[in-house]
Amino acid sequence: MNKAKVQFLNVGWGDAHLIQHPSGSVSLIDGGDGTFSDEQDHPLLWMNRNRKDCLEWMILTHIHNDHLQGLLDIAKVKIVNKAILPYKPFLLPPKQLVQEQGDSFAMRVYLMLASYLELIEVLAQQGTAIKWRDEYGSNADSVIWSEDGIRLSQLYPWKGDTLPAYERLASILAHSSAESKEVCETLIDFFELSNHDSSVYRLSDEQDLNSSVLFGGDLLEPEWERLAQRTDISSLIWKVSHHGMKDGFNSRILAWIKPEHCIIPISMERSIPLQGEWNELRLCTRASLYMTGSFASGEKIQIHNKGILVEIGN
């Protein structure tokens, strides 16, 4: 009998993963890019369809728009009891410094960071218990919640793990005298490094630890190696990192996780250039590969597990 249910939504190039607890409450890991369209779903629409007015937990793995924006949409109209966010609030440099350079990409990153700060503010205003992920930064403190033998744990990052994106961003946050060119360069570097700062979570059944679901965020190979050296990360189901890109989905990482099922959050259109690499990977794994974007509205597939039911699709 299934005690928990995981649903991987089709949010295009983005992540949005819902966990229904044994008690019926809901956790959401990432929220997609906030797009409302016929081609993809949105976790807010899922909540409306399923008459859910409250999230027990809202979790953001890292700051990129394709994980962040849907969470902000939800926070504005739904109750969020608790949230786990990657970084404590910070003060951005004046927007004018970015405008002076006329760099549209740097401005995009600036606005993305501003959205993250807005998410913190909106959650605080509604009384959400905001927790920072470093509170779960050790083996002893890794369990986020546990119900009826089902538990969600944070595997990465832990104390001592490097956070290159945040460290780069901090270089301008600490100096109010930073020049506009330096600010723009730092913003772009943050965007490029953000996946290295991604969190990883695992949902497991205490009665069957081999049936766990691993949520890889967008973590990249160097950090997966660090994680695999300290923790047995073998899992039945792996939510593939970085949308199936080679830096987050390759033979080395597969050897550490040993999944039977790989779920790739990506649209069909954007998967086409990656299909050749994935076909090569099929030679070194027997795992089934699923793309969230391959399921049209109303379509889904189930992976039956002893304690955890997994659905892919809308």
Protein backbone atom coordinates (compact mmCIF):
# COMPACT_ATOMS: atom_id res chain seq x y z
CA MET A 1 0.00 0.00 0.00
CA ASN A 2 1.36 3.41 -0.97
CA LYS A 3 1.81 5.82 1.91
CA ALA A 4 3.14 8.77 -0.10
CA LYS A 5 2.86 10.01 -3.66
CA VAL A 6 5.27 11.98 -5.83
CA GLN A 7 4.12 13.81 -8.93
CA PHE A 8 6.59 15.18 -11.47
CA LEU A 9 4.85 17.92 -13.43
CA ASN A 10 5.52 18.86 -17.03
CA VAL A 11 6.65 22.46 -16.64
CA GLY A 12 8.76 22.55 -19.80
CA TRP A 13 12.42 23.30 -19.16
CA GLY A 14 12.01 23.50 -15.41
CA ASP A 15 11.44 21.58 -12.21
CA ALA A 16 8.26 21.23 -10.13
CA HIS A 17 7.83 18.12 -7.99
CA LEU A 18 4.98 17.55 -5.56
CA ILE A 19 5.03 15.14 -2.63
CA GLN A 20 1.79 14.14 -0.95
CA HIS A 21 2.56 13.05 2.61
CA PRO A 22 0.88 10.07 4.30
CA SER A 23 -1.17 12.65 6.24
CA GLY A 24 -2.41 14.24 3.00
CA SER A 25 -0.38 17.44 3.32
CA VAL A 26 1.81 18.53 0.41
CA SER A 27 5.44 19.48 -0.13
CA LEU A 28 6.65 21.18 -3.30
CA ILE A 29 10.25 21.03 -4.48
CA ASP A 30 10.83 23.86 -6.98
CA GLY A 31 8.09 25.55 -8.96
CA GLY A 32 9.06 25.88 -12.62
CA ASP A 33 9.43 29.15 -14.52
CA GLY A 34 5.95 30.48 -13.82
CA THR A 35 4.67 30.10 -17.38
CA PHE A 36 0.95 29.51 -17.82
CA SER A 37 0.33 27.89 -21.22
CA ASP A 38 -1.38 24.98 -22.95
CA GLU A 39 2.02 23.36 -23.53
CA GLN A 40 2.99 22.95 -19.89
CA ASP A 41 1.59 22.75 -16.38
CA HIS A 42 2.12 24.99 -13.35
CA PRO A 43 2.12 23.81 -9.71
CA LEU A 44 -0.44 26.49 -8.85
CA LEU A 45 -2.81 24.96 -11.40
CA TRP A 46 -2.14 21.54 -9.88
CA MET A 47 -3.08 22.89 -6.45
CA ASN A 48 -6.27 24.39 -7.83
CA ARG A 49 -7.23 21.18 -9.65
CA ASN A 50 -6.65 19.14 -6.51
CA ARG A 51 -8.31 21.69 -4.21
CA LYS A 52 -5.18 22.28 -2.20
CA ASP A 53 -5.04 25.67 -0.51
CA CYS A 54 -1.92 25.05 1.54
CA LEU A 55 1.62 23.76 1.16
CA GLU A 56 3.13 22.20 4.24
CA TRP A 57 6.63 22.68 2.79
CA MET A 58 7.92 24.82 -0.07
CA ILE A 59 11.50 24.03 -1.06
CA LEU A 60 13.76 25.86 -3.51
CA THR A 61 16.90 23.96 -4.54
CA HIS A 62 18.74 26.94 -6.05
CA ILE A 63 18.16 30.30 -7.70
CA HIS A 64 17.33 29.96 -11.38
CA ASN A 65 14.06 31.20 -12.85
CA ASP A 66 13.00 27.74 -14.06
CA HIS A 67 12.89 26.62 -10.42
CA LEU A 68 11.95 29.87 -8.68
CA GLN A 69 9.16 31.77 -10.40
CA GLY A 70 6.35 29.26 -9.91
CA LEU A 71 7.03 29.30 -6.17
CA LEU A 72 6.54 33.06 -6.11
CA ASP A 73 3.20 32.66 -7.91
CA ILE A 74 2.05 30.21 -5.24
CA ALA A 75 3.31 32.24 -2.29
CA LYS A 76 1.20 35.21 -3.41
CA VAL A 77 -2.12 33.32 -3.32
CA LYS A 78 -1.74 30.15 -1.23
CA ILE A 79 -0.83 29.37 2.36
CA VAL A 80 2.72 28.11 2.87
CA ASN A 81 3.35 26.75 6.36
CA LYS A 82 7.09 26.16 6.09
CA ALA A 83 9.77 26.88 3.51
CA ILE A 84 13.39 25.89 2.97
CA LEU A 85 15.38 28.44 1.00
CA PRO A 86 19.04 28.40 -0.01
CA TYR A 87 20.31 31.79 1.19
CA LYS A 88 19.44 34.29 3.88
CA PRO A 89 18.29 37.73 2.64
CA PHE A 90 20.94 40.01 1.17
CA LEU A 91 21.05 43.58 -0.08
CA LEU A 92 21.51 43.87 -3.84
CA PRO A 93 23.66 46.68 -5.26
CA PRO A 94 21.73 49.63 -6.73
CA LYS A 95 19.90 48.69 -9.92
CA GLN A 96 21.39 51.74 -11.60
CA LEU A 97 24.83 50.07 -11.62
CA VAL A 98 23.49 47.35 -13.89
CA GLN A 99 21.55 49.78 -16.06
CA GLU A 100 24.70 51.82 -16.66
CA GLN A 101 26.35 48.87 -18.41
CA GLY A 102 23.38 48.18 -20.68
CA ASP A 103 23.93 44.44 -20.23
CA SER A 104 20.56 42.75 -20.71
CA PHE A 105 21.74 39.38 -19.40
CA ALA A 106 23.15 40.89 -16.21
CA MET A 107 19.85 42.72 -15.75
CA ARG A 108 17.99 39.44 -16.15
CA VAL A 109 20.09 37.92 -13.35
CA TYR A 110 19.56 41.01 -11.19
CA LEU A 111 15.78 40.71 -11.60
CA MET A 112 15.98 36.98 -10.84
CA LEU A 113 17.74 37.70 -7.55
CA ALA A 114 15.18 40.42 -6.84
CA SER A 115 12.43 37.81 -7.34
CA TYR A 116 14.13 35.57 -4.78
CA LEU A 117 14.18 38.40 -2.26
CA GLU A 118 10.52 39.09 -3.07
CA LEU A 119 9.71 35.43 -2.36
CA ILE A 120 11.31 35.75 1.08
CA GLU A 121 9.32 38.93 1.74
CA VAL A 122 5.99 37.47 0.60
CA LEU A 123 6.49 34.34 2.71
CA ALA A 124 7.49 36.38 5.75
CA GLN A 125 4.42 38.60 5.39
CA GLN A 126 2.07 35.61 5.43
CA GLY A 127 3.77 34.12 8.49
CA THR A 128 5.58 31.22 6.85
CA ALA A 129 8.22 29.58 9.04
CA ILE A 130 11.23 30.21 6.81
CA LYS A 131 14.17 27.89 7.32
CA TRP A 132 17.55 28.14 5.64
CA ARG A 133 18.94 24.95 4.23
CA ASP A 134 22.10 25.13 6.37
CA GLU A 135 19.87 24.05 9.27
CA TYR A 136 19.85 20.60 7.60
CA GLY A 137 23.58 20.59 6.90
CA SER A 138 24.72 17.37 8.56
CA ASN A 139 23.77 13.72 8.75
CA ALA A 140 22.32 14.25 12.22
CA ASP A 141 20.19 17.20 11.11
CA SER A 142 19.28 16.14 7.57
CA VAL A 143 15.67 14.97 8.10
CA ILE A 144 13.15 17.65 7.10
CA TRP A 145 10.02 15.69 7.92
CA SER A 146 9.06 12.14 8.78
CA GLU A 147 5.55 10.66 8.67
CA ASP A 148 4.42 7.06 8.98
CA GLY A 149 7.86 5.75 8.04
CA ILE A 150 8.27 8.09 5.05
CA ARG A 151 10.95 10.75 5.39
CA LEU A 152 12.39 13.58 3.34
CA SER A 153 16.06 14.37 3.91
CA GLN A 154 18.55 16.91 2.60
CA LEU A 155 21.71 15.27 1.27
CA TYR A 156 23.41 18.33 -0.20
CA PRO A 157 24.78 20.79 0.67
CA TRP A 158 26.04 20.08 4.15
CA LYS A 159 28.33 22.16 6.33
CA GLY A 160 31.74 22.39 4.70
CA ASP A 161 30.43 22.03 1.14
CA THR A 162 31.49 24.91 -1.06
CA LEU A 163 28.86 27.23 -2.53
CA PRO A 164 30.73 28.88 -5.41
CA ALA A 165 27.76 30.90 -6.70
CA TYR A 166 26.98 32.46 -3.35
CA GLU A 167 30.66 33.04 -2.59
CA ARG A 168 30.98 34.93 -5.88
CA LEU A 169 27.86 36.98 -5.20
CA ALA A 170 29.07 37.83 -1.71
CA SER A 171 32.11 39.52 -3.22
CA ILE A 172 29.95 42.46 -4.33
CA LEU A 173 27.38 42.33 -1.54
CA ALA A 174 30.10 43.10 1.00
CA HIS A 175 31.40 46.16 -0.85
CA SER A 176 29.04 49.06 -1.44
CA SER A 177 31.72 50.72 -3.58
CA ALA A 178 31.62 48.05 -6.31
CA GLU A 179 31.73 49.50 -9.82
CA SER A 180 29.03 48.81 -12.40
CA LYS A 181 31.24 46.59 -14.58
CA GLU A 182 32.24 44.47 -11.59
CA VAL A 183 28.60 44.14 -10.51
CA CYS A 184 27.52 42.93 -13.96
CA GLU A 185 30.40 40.46 -14.22
CA THR A 186 29.57 39.07 -10.79
CA LEU A 187 25.88 38.68 -11.62
CA ILE A 188 26.71 36.73 -14.78
CA ASP A 189 29.17 34.55 -12.86
CA PHE A 190 26.49 33.84 -10.23
CA PHE A 191 24.11 32.64 -12.91
CA GLU A 192 26.74 30.36 -14.43
CA LEU A 193 27.72 28.92 -11.03
CA SER A 194 24.26 28.58 -9.46
CA ASN A 195 23.79 24.91 -10.38
CA HIS A 196 26.87 24.05 -8.32
CA ASP A 197 24.99 25.40 -5.27
CA SER A 198 21.92 23.22 -5.86
CA SER A 199 20.35 21.20 -3.06
CA VAL A 200 19.63 17.47 -3.28
CA TYR A 201 16.77 15.78 -1.41
CA ARG A 202 15.80 12.14 -0.94
CA LEU A 203 12.37 10.72 -0.14
CA SER A 204 12.60 7.28 1.41
CA ASP A 205 10.54 4.58 3.07
CA GLU A 206 12.13 3.38 6.31
CA GLN A 207 10.76 -0.12 5.63
CA ASP A 208 12.30 -0.26 2.15
CA LEU A 209 15.33 2.01 1.82
CA ASN A 210 16.02 0.65 -1.67
CA SER A 211 12.85 2.29 -3.03
CA SER A 212 13.87 5.90 -2.49
CA VAL A 213 13.32 8.87 -4.81
CA LEU A 214 16.30 11.19 -5.32
CA PHE A 215 15.60 14.80 -6.28
CA GLY A 216 18.79 16.03 -7.92
CA GLY A 217 17.94 19.68 -8.49
CA ASP A 218 20.49 20.94 -11.02
CA LEU A 219 23.56 19.63 -9.18
CA LEU A 220 26.60 19.05 -11.39
CA GLU A 221 29.16 16.26 -11.53
CA PRO A 222 31.85 17.69 -9.17
CA GLU A 223 29.29 18.07 -6.40
CA TRP A 224 27.74 14.67 -7.11
CA GLU A 225 31.20 13.17 -6.67
CA ARG A 226 31.64 14.94 -3.33
CA LEU A 227 28.21 13.69 -2.22
CA ALA A 228 28.81 10.11 -3.38
CA GLN A 229 32.08 9.96 -1.44
CA ARG A 230 30.30 10.50 1.89
CA THR A 231 26.81 9.05 1.32
CA ASP A 232 25.34 6.00 -0.37
CA ILE A 233 23.12 7.76 -2.91
CA SER A 234 21.83 4.65 -4.67
CA SER A 235 18.12 5.20 -5.33
CA LEU A 236 15.36 3.46 -7.23
CA ILE A 237 14.16 6.66 -8.92
CA TRP A 238 16.34 9.63 -9.83
CA LYS A 239 15.02 13.01 -10.85
CA VAL A 240 17.87 13.75 -13.23
CA SER A 241 19.89 16.92 -12.67
CA HIS A 242 20.11 19.85 -15.05
CA HIS A 243 17.45 18.60 -17.45
CA GLY A 244 19.61 15.75 -18.73
CA MET A 245 22.58 17.88 -19.74
CA LYS A 246 25.89 16.00 -19.74
CA ASP A 247 27.28 17.95 -16.77
CA GLY A 248 24.48 16.59 -14.58
CA PHE A 249 23.60 13.31 -16.30
CA ASN A 250 26.40 10.99 -17.34
CA SER A 251 27.80 7.50 -16.81
CA ARG A 252 29.79 8.44 -13.69
CA ILE A 253 26.77 9.86 -11.88
CA LEU A 254 24.62 6.93 -12.99
CA ALA A 255 27.19 4.55 -11.48
CA TRP A 256 26.89 6.30 -8.12
CA ILE A 257 23.08 6.41 -8.04
CA LYS A 258 22.28 3.11 -9.80
CA PRO A 259 18.68 4.10 -10.60
CA GLU A 260 16.07 1.86 -12.20
CA HIS A 261 14.09 4.88 -13.40
CA CYS A 262 15.37 8.29 -14.55
CA ILE A 263 12.96 11.21 -14.82
CA ILE A 264 14.17 14.13 -16.92
CA PRO A 265 12.34 17.47 -16.54
CA ILE A 266 12.46 18.86 -20.07
CA SER A 267 10.19 19.76 -22.97
CA MET A 268 10.16 17.51 -26.03
CA GLU A 269 11.48 20.29 -28.25
CA ARG A 270 14.50 21.02 -26.08
CA SER A 271 15.25 17.33 -25.60
CA ILE A 272 15.98 16.74 -29.29
CA PRO A 273 19.65 17.86 -29.23
CA LEU A 274 20.28 15.65 -26.19
CA GLN A 275 18.73 12.43 -27.45
CA GLY A 276 21.98 11.17 -29.00
CA GLU A 277 23.85 11.46 -25.71
CA TRP A 278 21.01 9.77 -23.85
CA ASN A 279 21.01 6.87 -26.31
CA GLU A 280 24.71 6.37 -25.59
CA LEU A 281 23.97 6.31 -21.87
CA ARG A 282 21.45 3.53 -22.40
CA LEU A 283 24.45 1.30 -23.14
CA CYS A 284 25.69 1.66 -19.55
CA THR A 285 22.37 1.51 -17.67
CA ARG A 286 19.18 -0.51 -17.73
CA ALA A 287 17.25 2.37 -16.23
CA SER A 288 14.06 3.51 -17.91
CA LEU A 289 14.15 7.13 -19.11
CA TYR A 290 11.10 9.38 -18.90
CA MET A 291 10.76 12.97 -20.07
CA THR A 292 8.16 15.10 -18.32
CA GLY A 293 7.54 16.96 -21.58
CA SER A 294 6.46 13.80 -23.36
CA PHE A 295 3.14 13.79 -21.49
CA ALA A 296 0.33 15.92 -22.89
CA SER A 297 -2.25 17.56 -20.65
CA GLY A 298 -4.17 14.87 -18.79
CA GLU A 299 -1.64 12.16 -19.58
CA LYS A 300 0.46 10.46 -16.93
CA ILE A 301 2.31 7.28 -16.14
CA GLN A 302 2.73 5.59 -12.77
CA ILE A 303 5.74 3.85 -11.27
CA HIS A 304 4.53 1.61 -8.49
CA ASN A 305 6.65 1.33 -5.40
CA LYS A 306 5.93 -0.36 -2.08
CA GLY A 307 5.51 2.77 -0.01
CA ILE A 308 5.86 5.57 -2.55
CA LEU A 309 3.75 5.95 -5.69
CA VAL A 310 5.35 8.04 -8.44
CA GLU A 311 3.43 9.75 -11.23
CA ILE A 312 4.91 11.59 -14.21
CA GLY A 313 2.68 14.00 -16.09
CA ASN A 314 -0.19 16.35 -15.36
